[in-house]
PDB file of N, CA and C in Angstrom:
ATOM      1  N   MET A   1      11.844 -10.978   0.086  1.00  0.00           N
ATOM      2  CA  MET A   1      10.926 -11.252  -0.471  1.00  0.00           C
ATOM      3  C   MET A   1       9.998 -12.668   0.089  1.00  0.00           C
ATOM      4  N   THR A   2      10.362 -13.708   0.682  1.00  0.00           N
ATOM      5  CA  THR A   2      10.101 -14.970   1.230  1.00  0.00           C
ATOM      6  C   THR A   2       9.257 -14.157   2.824  1.00  0.00           C
ATOM      7  N   GLU A   3      10.033 -12.653   3.154  1.00  0.00           N
ATOM      8  CA  GLU A   3       9.242 -12.730   4.404  1.00  0.00           C
ATOM      9  C   GLU A   3       7.860 -11.964   4.089  1.00  0.00           C
ATOM     10  N   GLN A   4       7.983 -11.553   2.725  1.00  0.00           N
ATOM     11  CA  GLN A   4       6.333 -10.880   2.569  1.00  0.00           C
ATOM     12  C   GLN A   4       5.386 -11.773   1.863  1.00  0.00           C
ATOM     13  N   GLY A   5       6.092 -12.797   1.406  1.00  0.00           N
ATOM     14  CA  GLY A   5       5.230 -13.488   0.261  1.00  0.00           C
ATOM     15  C   GLY A   5       5.026 -13.298  -1.427  1.00  0.00           C
ATOM     16  N   TRP A   6       4.271 -14.376  -1.653  1.00  0.00           N
ATOM     17  CA  TRP A   6       4.010 -14.262  -2.924  1.00  0.00           C
ATOM     18  C   TRP A   6       2.418 -13.858  -3.379  1.00  0.00           C
ATOM     19  N   ALA A   7       2.353 -13.711  -4.994  1.00  0.00           N
ATOM     20  CA  ALA A   7       1.094 -13.402  -5.231  1.00  0.00           C
ATOM     21  C   ALA A   7       1.000 -14.226  -6.662  1.00  0.00           C
ATOM     22  N   VAL A   8      -0.475 -14.854  -6.903  1.00  0.00           N
ATOM     23  CA  VAL A   8       0.012 -15.271  -8.071  1.00  0.00           C
ATOM     24  C   VAL A   8      -1.066 -14.951  -9.161  1.00  0.00           C
ATOM     25  N   SER A   9      -0.929 -14.267 -10.148  1.00  0.00           N
ATOM     26  CA  SER A   9      -2.043 -14.033 -10.955  1.00  0.00           C
ATOM     27  C   SER A   9      -1.948 -14.897 -12.082  1.00  0.00           C
ATOM     28  N   PRO A  10      -3.539 -15.081 -12.028  1.00  0.00           N
ATOM     29  CA  PRO A  10      -3.764 -15.808 -13.318  1.00  0.00           C
ATOM     30  C   PRO A  10      -3.338 -15.826 -14.619  1.00  0.00           C
ATOM     31  N   VAL A  11      -3.230 -16.946 -15.677  1.00  0.00           N
ATOM     32  CA  VAL A  11      -2.548 -16.850 -16.730  1.00  0.00           C
ATOM     33  C   VAL A  11      -3.655 -15.292 -17.827  1.00  0.00           C
ATOM     34  N   THR A  12      -4.910 -15.476 -17.516  1.00  0.00           N
ATOM     35  CA  THR A  12      -5.598 -14.811 -18.489  1.00  0.00           C
ATOM     36  C   THR A  12      -5.879 -12.941 -17.803  1.00  0.00           C
ATOM     37  N   ALA A  13      -5.148 -12.796 -16.064  1.00  0.00           N
ATOM     38  CA  ALA A  13      -5.140 -11.551 -16.327  1.00  0.00           C
ATOM     39  C   ALA A  13      -4.157 -10.977 -16.690  1.00  0.00           C
ATOM     40  N   ALA A  14      -4.233  -9.380 -16.871  1.00  0.00           N
ATOM     41  CA  ALA A  14      -3.376  -8.459 -17.138  1.00  0.00           C
ATOM     42  C   ALA A  14      -2.190  -8.927 -17.597  1.00  0.00           C
ATOM     43  N   VAL A  15      -1.513  -8.958 -16.221  1.00  0.00           N
ATOM     44  CA  VAL A  15      -0.077  -9.354 -15.730  1.00  0.00           C
ATOM     45  C   VAL A  15       0.233 -10.673 -15.324  1.00  0.00           C
ATOM     46  N   PRO A  16       0.178 -11.918 -16.190  1.00  0.00           N
ATOM     47  CA  PRO A  16      -0.101 -13.459 -15.608  1.00  0.00           C
ATOM     48  C   PRO A  16       1.540 -13.601 -14.918  1.00  0.00           C
ATOM     49  N   GLY A  17       1.616 -14.307 -14.029  1.00  0.00           N
ATOM     50  CA  GLY A  17       2.558 -15.056 -13.468  1.00  0.00           C
ATOM     51  C   GLY A  17       2.713 -14.903 -11.913  1.00  0.00           C
ATOM     52  N   THR A  18       3.923 -14.993 -11.277  1.00  0.00           N
ATOM     53  CA  THR A  18       4.240 -15.102  -9.773  1.00  0.00           C
ATOM     54  C   THR A  18       4.791 -13.774  -9.415  1.00  0.00           C
ATOM     55  N   TYR A  19       4.454 -13.115  -8.285  1.00  0.00           N
ATOM     56  CA  TYR A  19       5.051 -11.362  -7.873  1.00  0.00           C
ATOM     57  C   TYR A  19       5.382 -11.677  -6.469  1.00  0.00           C
ATOM     58  N   CYS A  20       6.302 -11.415  -6.171  1.00  0.00           N
ATOM     59  CA  CYS A  20       6.500 -10.828  -4.726  1.00  0.00           C
ATOM     60  C   CYS A  20       5.511  -9.743  -4.435  1.00  0.00           C
ATOM     61  N   LEU A  21       5.111 -10.096  -3.686  1.00  0.00           N
ATOM     62  CA  LEU A  21       3.922  -8.956  -2.629  1.00  0.00           C
ATOM     63  C   LEU A  21       4.559  -7.279  -2.769  1.00  0.00           C
ATOM     64  N   ARG A  22       5.987  -7.376  -3.328  1.00  0.00           N
ATOM     65  CA  ARG A  22       5.777  -5.876  -3.033  1.00  0.00           C
ATOM     66  C   ARG A  22       5.995  -5.236  -4.578  1.00  0.00           C
ATOM     67  N   CYS A  23       6.154  -6.269  -5.170  1.00  0.00           N
ATOM     68  CA  CYS A  23       6.346  -6.415  -6.832  1.00  0.00           C
ATOM     69  C   CYS A  23       5.059  -6.471  -7.162  1.00  0.00           C
ATOM     70  N   ALA A  24       3.809  -7.077  -7.214  1.00  0.00           N
ATOM     71  CA  ALA A  24       2.596  -6.925  -7.010  1.00  0.00           C
ATOM     72  C   ALA A  24       1.410  -6.084  -6.531  1.00  0.00           C
ATOM     73  N   SER A  25       2.219  -5.336  -5.284  1.00  0.00           N
ATOM     74  CA  SER A  25       1.277  -3.941  -5.190  1.00  0.00           C
ATOM     75  C   SER A  25       1.970  -2.334  -6.059  1.00  0.00           C
ATOM     76  N   ALA A  26       3.383  -3.005  -6.694  1.00  0.00           N
ATOM     77  CA  ALA A  26       4.011  -1.622  -7.432  1.00  0.00           C
ATOM     78  C   ALA A  26       2.950  -1.757  -8.933  1.00  0.00           C
ATOM     79  N   LEU A  27       2.265  -3.051  -8.985  1.00  0.00           N
ATOM     80  CA  LEU A  27       1.587  -3.139 -10.249  1.00  0.00           C
ATOM     81  C   LEU A  27       0.409  -2.916 -10.156  1.00  0.00           C
ATOM     82  N   GLN A  28       0.193  -2.929  -9.362  1.00  0.00           N
ATOM     83  CA  GLN A  28      -1.375  -2.320  -8.337  1.00  0.00           C
ATOM     84  C   GLN A  28      -2.207  -4.110  -8.986  1.00  0.00           C
ATOM     85  N   MET A  29      -2.014  -5.368  -9.008  1.00  0.00           N
ATOM     86  CA  MET A  29      -1.724  -6.143  -8.930  1.00  0.00           C
ATOM     87  C   MET A  29      -3.293  -6.605  -8.128  1.00  0.00           C
ATOM     88  N   LEU A  30      -3.201  -6.344  -6.406  1.00  0.00           N
ATOM     89  CA  LEU A  30      -3.713  -6.759  -5.650  1.00  0.00           C
ATOM     90  C   LEU A  30      -4.780  -5.271  -5.117  1.00  0.00           C
ATOM     91  N   GLU A  31      -6.149  -5.867  -4.540  1.00  0.00           N
ATOM     92  CA  GLU A  31      -6.934  -5.113  -4.875  1.00  0.00           C
ATOM     93  C   GLU A  31      -6.907  -4.864  -2.843  1.00  0.00           C
ATOM     94  N   TRP A  32      -6.617  -4.054  -2.216  1.00  0.00           N
ATOM     95  CA  TRP A  32      -6.430  -4.580  -0.652  1.00  0.00           C
ATOM     96  C   TRP A  32      -6.685  -3.132  -0.233  1.00  0.00           C
ATOM     97  N   PHE A  33      -6.589  -2.612   0.882  1.00  0.00           N
ATOM     98  CA  PHE A  33      -7.051  -1.296   1.512  1.00  0.00           C
ATOM     99  C   PHE A  33      -5.814  -1.031   2.228  1.00  0.00           C
ATOM    100  N   VAL A  34      -5.737   0.625   2.127  1.00  0.00           N
ATOM    101  CA  VAL A  34      -4.460   1.177   3.020  1.00  0.00           C
ATOM    102  C   VAL A  34      -5.190   1.480   4.929  1.00  0.00           C
ATOM    103  N   ARG A  35      -4.056   1.046   5.277  1.00  0.00           N
ATOM    104  CA  ARG A  35      -4.078   1.686   6.694  1.00  0.00           C
ATOM    105  C   ARG A  35      -3.168   2.574   7.225  1.00  0.00           C
ATOM    106  N   CYS A  36      -3.710   3.119   8.207  1.00  0.00           N
ATOM    107  CA  CYS A  36      -2.578   4.388   8.555  1.00  0.00           C
ATOM    108  C   CYS A  36      -1.420   3.387   9.260  1.00  0.00           C
ATOM    109  N   ILE A  37      -0.597   3.919   9.089  1.00  0.00           N
ATOM    110  CA  ILE A  37       0.624   3.441  10.027  1.00  0.00           C
ATOM    111  C   ILE A  37       0.092   3.396  11.738  1.00  0.00           C
ATOM    112  N   GLU A  38       0.399   5.299  11.747  1.00  0.00           N
ATOM    113  CA  GLU A  38      -0.280   5.601  13.367  1.00  0.00           C
ATOM    114  C   GLU A  38      -1.609   4.818  14.031  1.00  0.00           C
ATOM    115  N   CYS A  39      -2.333   5.165  13.602  1.00  0.00           N
ATOM    116  CA  CYS A  39      -3.527   5.295  14.287  1.00  0.00           C
ATOM    117  C   CYS A  39      -4.572   3.800  13.430  1.00  0.00           C
ATOM    118  N   GLY A  40      -4.281   3.294  12.724  1.00  0.00           N
ATOM    119  CA  GLY A  40      -4.516   2.175  11.950  1.00  0.00           C
ATOM    120  C   GLY A  40      -6.582   2.000  11.398  1.00  0.00           C
ATOM    121  N   VAL A  41      -6.232   3.220  10.812  1.00  0.00           N
ATOM    122  CA  VAL A  41      -7.860   3.690  10.353  1.00  0.00           C
ATOM    123  C   VAL A  41      -7.687   3.023   9.122  1.00  0.00           C
ATOM    124  N   THR A  42      -8.427   2.384   7.868  1.00  0.00           N
ATOM    125  CA  THR A  42      -8.530   2.439   6.321  1.00  0.00           C
ATOM    126  C   THR A  42      -9.525   3.236   5.700  1.00  0.00           C
ATOM    127  N   VAL A  43      -9.015   2.797   4.608  1.00  0.00           N
ATOM    128  CA  VAL A  43      -9.483   3.642   3.174  1.00  0.00           C
ATOM    129  C   VAL A  43      -9.716   2.530   2.468  1.00  0.00           C
ATOM    130  N   GLU A  44     -10.496   2.996   1.723  1.00  0.00           N
ATOM    131  CA  GLU A  44     -10.134   1.590   0.503  1.00  0.00           C
ATOM    132  C   GLU A  44      -9.331   1.211  -0.247  1.00  0.00           C
ATOM    133  N   ASP A  45      -8.563   2.526  -0.847  1.00  0.00           N
ATOM    134  CA  ASP A  45      -7.544   2.023  -2.084  1.00  0.00           C
ATOM    135  C   ASP A  45      -6.914   3.669  -1.847  1.00  0.00           C
ATOM    136  N   GLU A  46      -5.581   3.531  -2.393  1.00  0.00           N
ATOM    137  CA  GLU A  46      -4.427   4.315  -2.721  1.00  0.00           C
ATOM    138  C   GLU A  46      -5.309   5.776  -3.478  1.00  0.00           C
ATOM    139  N   ALA A  47      -6.218   5.659  -4.354  1.00  0.00           N
ATOM    140  CA  ALA A  47      -6.290   7.044  -4.535  1.00  0.00           C
ATOM    141  C   ALA A  47      -7.422   7.684  -3.391  1.00  0.00           C
ATOM    142  N   ALA A  48      -7.934   6.618  -2.887  1.00  0.00           N
ATOM    143  CA  ALA A  48      -9.292   7.353  -2.078  1.00  0.00           C
ATOM    144  C   ALA A  48      -8.730   8.087  -1.021  1.00  0.00           C
ATOM    145  N   ALA A  49      -7.464   7.094  -0.489  1.00  0.00           N
ATOM    146  CA  ALA A  49      -6.518   7.348   0.751  1.00  0.00           C
ATOM    147  C   ALA A  49      -5.569   9.283   0.455  1.00  0.00           C
ATOM    148  N   GLU A  50      -5.863   9.302  -0.991  1.00  0.00           N
ATOM    149  CA  GLU A  50      -4.823  10.507  -1.098  1.00  0.00           C
ATOM    150  C   GLU A  50      -5.720  11.645  -1.241  1.00  0.00           C
ATOM    151  N   GLY A  51      -6.662  11.057  -1.708  1.00  0.00           N
ATOM    152  CA  GLY A  51      -7.938  11.995  -2.555  1.00  0.00           C
ATOM    153  C   GLY A  51      -8.465  12.497  -0.887  1.00  0.00           C
ATOM    154  N   SER A  52      -8.227  12.122   0.577  1.00  0.00           N
ATOM    155  CA  SER A  52      -9.024  12.901   1.310  1.00  0.00           C
ATOM    156  C   SER A  52      -7.446  12.958   2.245  1.00  0.00           C
ATOM    157  N   GLY A  53      -6.752  13.098   2.013  1.00  0.00           N
ATOM    158  CA  GLY A  53      -5.987  14.107   2.463  1.00  0.00           C
ATOM    159  C   GLY A  53      -4.336  13.179   3.271  1.00  0.00           C
ATOM    160  N   TRP A  54      -4.411  11.775   3.180  1.00  0.00           N
ATOM    161  CA  TRP A  54      -3.791  11.167   3.486  1.00  0.00           C
ATOM    162  C   TRP A  54      -2.207  10.942   2.711  1.00  0.00           C
ATOM    163  N   ARG A  55      -0.965  10.787   3.084  1.00  0.00           N
ATOM    164  CA  ARG A  55       0.261  11.357   2.662  1.00  0.00           C
ATOM    165  C   ARG A  55       0.889  10.031   3.192  1.00  0.00           C
ATOM    166  N   PHE A  56       2.109   9.311   2.806  1.00  0.00           N
ATOM    167  CA  PHE A  56       3.189   8.364   2.224  1.00  0.00           C
ATOM    168  C   PHE A  56       4.386   8.789   2.532  1.00  0.00           C
ATOM    169  N   TYR A  57       4.824   8.711   3.953  1.00  0.00           N
ATOM    170  CA  TYR A  57       6.597   9.071   4.002  1.00  0.00           C
ATOM    171  C   TYR A  57       7.039   8.123   3.860  1.00  0.00           C
ATOM    172  N   PRO A  58       8.385   7.697   3.802  1.00  0.00           N
ATOM    173  CA  PRO A  58       9.539   6.382   3.619  1.00  0.00           C
ATOM    174  C   PRO A  58       9.648   6.562   5.621  1.00  0.00           C
ATOM    175  N   ASP A  59       9.292   5.451   5.782  1.00  0.00           N
ATOM    176  CA  ASP A  59      10.030   4.952   7.567  1.00  0.00           C
ATOM    177  C   ASP A  59      11.433   4.776   7.298  1.00  0.00           C
ATOM    178  N   GLU A  60      12.798   4.403   8.196  1.00  0.00           N
ATOM    179  CA  GLU A  60      13.780   4.162   8.416  1.00  0.00           C
ATOM    180  C   GLU A  60      14.590   3.441   7.503  1.00  0.00           C
ATOM    181  N   LEU A  61      13.844   2.672   6.313  1.00  0.00           N
ATOM    182  CA  LEU A  61      13.671   1.818   5.241  1.00  0.00           C
ATOM    183  C   LEU A  61      13.923   1.555   4.141  1.00  0.00           C
ATOM    184  N   GLY A  62      13.550   2.865   4.363  1.00  0.00           N
ATOM    185  CA  GLY A  62      12.974   4.005   2.728  1.00  0.00           C
ATOM    186  C   GLY A  62      11.602   3.362   2.645  1.00  0.00           C
ATOM    187  N   GLN A  63      10.389   2.581   2.836  1.00  0.00           N
ATOM    188  CA  GLN A  63       9.626   2.155   2.593  1.00  0.00           C
ATOM    189  C   GLN A  63       8.187   3.038   2.761  1.00  0.00           C
ATOM    190  N   LEU A  64       7.793   3.136   1.919  1.00  0.00           N
ATOM    191  CA  LEU A  64       6.371   4.293   2.148  1.00  0.00           C
ATOM    192  C   LEU A  64       5.324   3.381   2.938  1.00  0.00           C
ATOM    193  N   GLN A  65       5.037   4.785   4.061  1.00  0.00           N
ATOM    194  CA  GLN A  65       4.466   3.999   4.689  1.00  0.00           C
ATOM    195  C   GLN A  65       3.192   5.165   4.769  1.00  0.00           C
ATOM    196  N   ALA A  66       1.678   4.530   4.947  1.00  0.00           N
ATOM    197  CA  ALA A  66       0.127   5.844   4.998  1.00  0.00           C
ATOM    198  C   ALA A  66       0.247   6.600   6.318  1.00  0.00           C
ATOM    199  N   HIS A  67      -0.245   7.417   6.324  1.00  0.00           N
ATOM    200  CA  HIS A  67      -0.357   8.701   7.405  1.00  0.00           C
ATOM    201  C   HIS A  67      -2.461   8.809   6.938  1.00  0.00           C
ATOM    202  N   CYS A  68      -2.641   8.828   8.071  1.00  0.00           N
ATOM    203  CA  CYS A  68      -4.211   9.223   7.373  1.00  0.00           C
ATOM    204  C   CYS A  68      -4.259  10.757   7.637  1.00  0.00           C
ATOM    205  N   ALA A  69      -4.762  11.713   7.546  1.00  0.00           N
ATOM    206  CA  ALA A  69      -5.088  13.053   7.476  1.00  0.00           C
ATOM    207  C   ALA A  69      -4.624  13.683   8.406  1.00  0.00           C
ATOM    208  N   LEU A  70      -5.414  13.083   9.443  1.00  0.00           N
ATOM    209  CA  LEU A  70      -5.677  13.656  10.982  1.00  0.00           C
ATOM    210  C   LEU A  70      -4.155  13.363  11.638  1.00  0.00           C
ATOM    211  N   CYS A  71      -3.874  12.135  11.027  1.00  0.00           N
ATOM    212  CA  CYS A  71      -2.287  11.564  11.535  1.00  0.00           C
ATOM    213  C   CYS A  71      -0.989  12.994  11.102  1.00  0.00           C
ATOM    214  N   VAL A  72      -1.483  13.293   9.908  1.00  0.00           N
ATOM    215  CA  VAL A  72      -0.420  14.355   9.131  1.00  0.00           C
ATOM    216  C   VAL A  72      -0.370  15.533   9.694  1.00  0.00           C
ATOM    217  N   LEU A  73      -1.893  15.935  10.195  1.00  0.00           N
ATOM    218  CA  LEU A  73      -1.828  17.131  10.987  1.00  0.00           C
ATOM    219  C   LEU A  73      -0.899  17.450  12.092  1.00  0.00           C
ATOM    220  N   ASN A  74      -1.222  15.832  13.259  1.00  0.00           N
ATOM    221  CA  ASN A  74      -0.054  16.062  13.760  1.00  0.00           C
ATOM    222  C   ASN A  74       0.926  15.736  13.934  1.00  0.00           C
ATOM    223  N   ARG A  75       1.831  15.351  12.760  1.00  0.00           N
ATOM    224  CA  ARG A  75       2.944  14.977  12.640  1.00  0.00           C
ATOM    225  C   ARG A  75       3.949  16.146  13.389  1.00  0.00           C
ATOM    226  N   PRO A  76       4.938  15.932  14.009  1.00  0.00           N
ATOM    227  CA  PRO A  76       5.865  17.007  14.314  1.00  0.00           C
ATOM    228  C   PRO A  76       6.767  18.102  12.946  1.00  0.00           C
TER     229      PRO A  76
END
């Protein structure tokens, strides 16, 4: 958790408090883009990524990593 950082949600938010970035991401508190782990192309959010053929595969640590549609087609 200390390596990834923290997100602070204001008291007026739906889920107020301080969360590690992994939990904040899971709670969809953060508005950020999705970047392909292979080629670096980005899209606005996970819904847009999945809607355009992106897939999320676990890495060697079990964490899901985004792969754009083109890189998915080129996966072995």
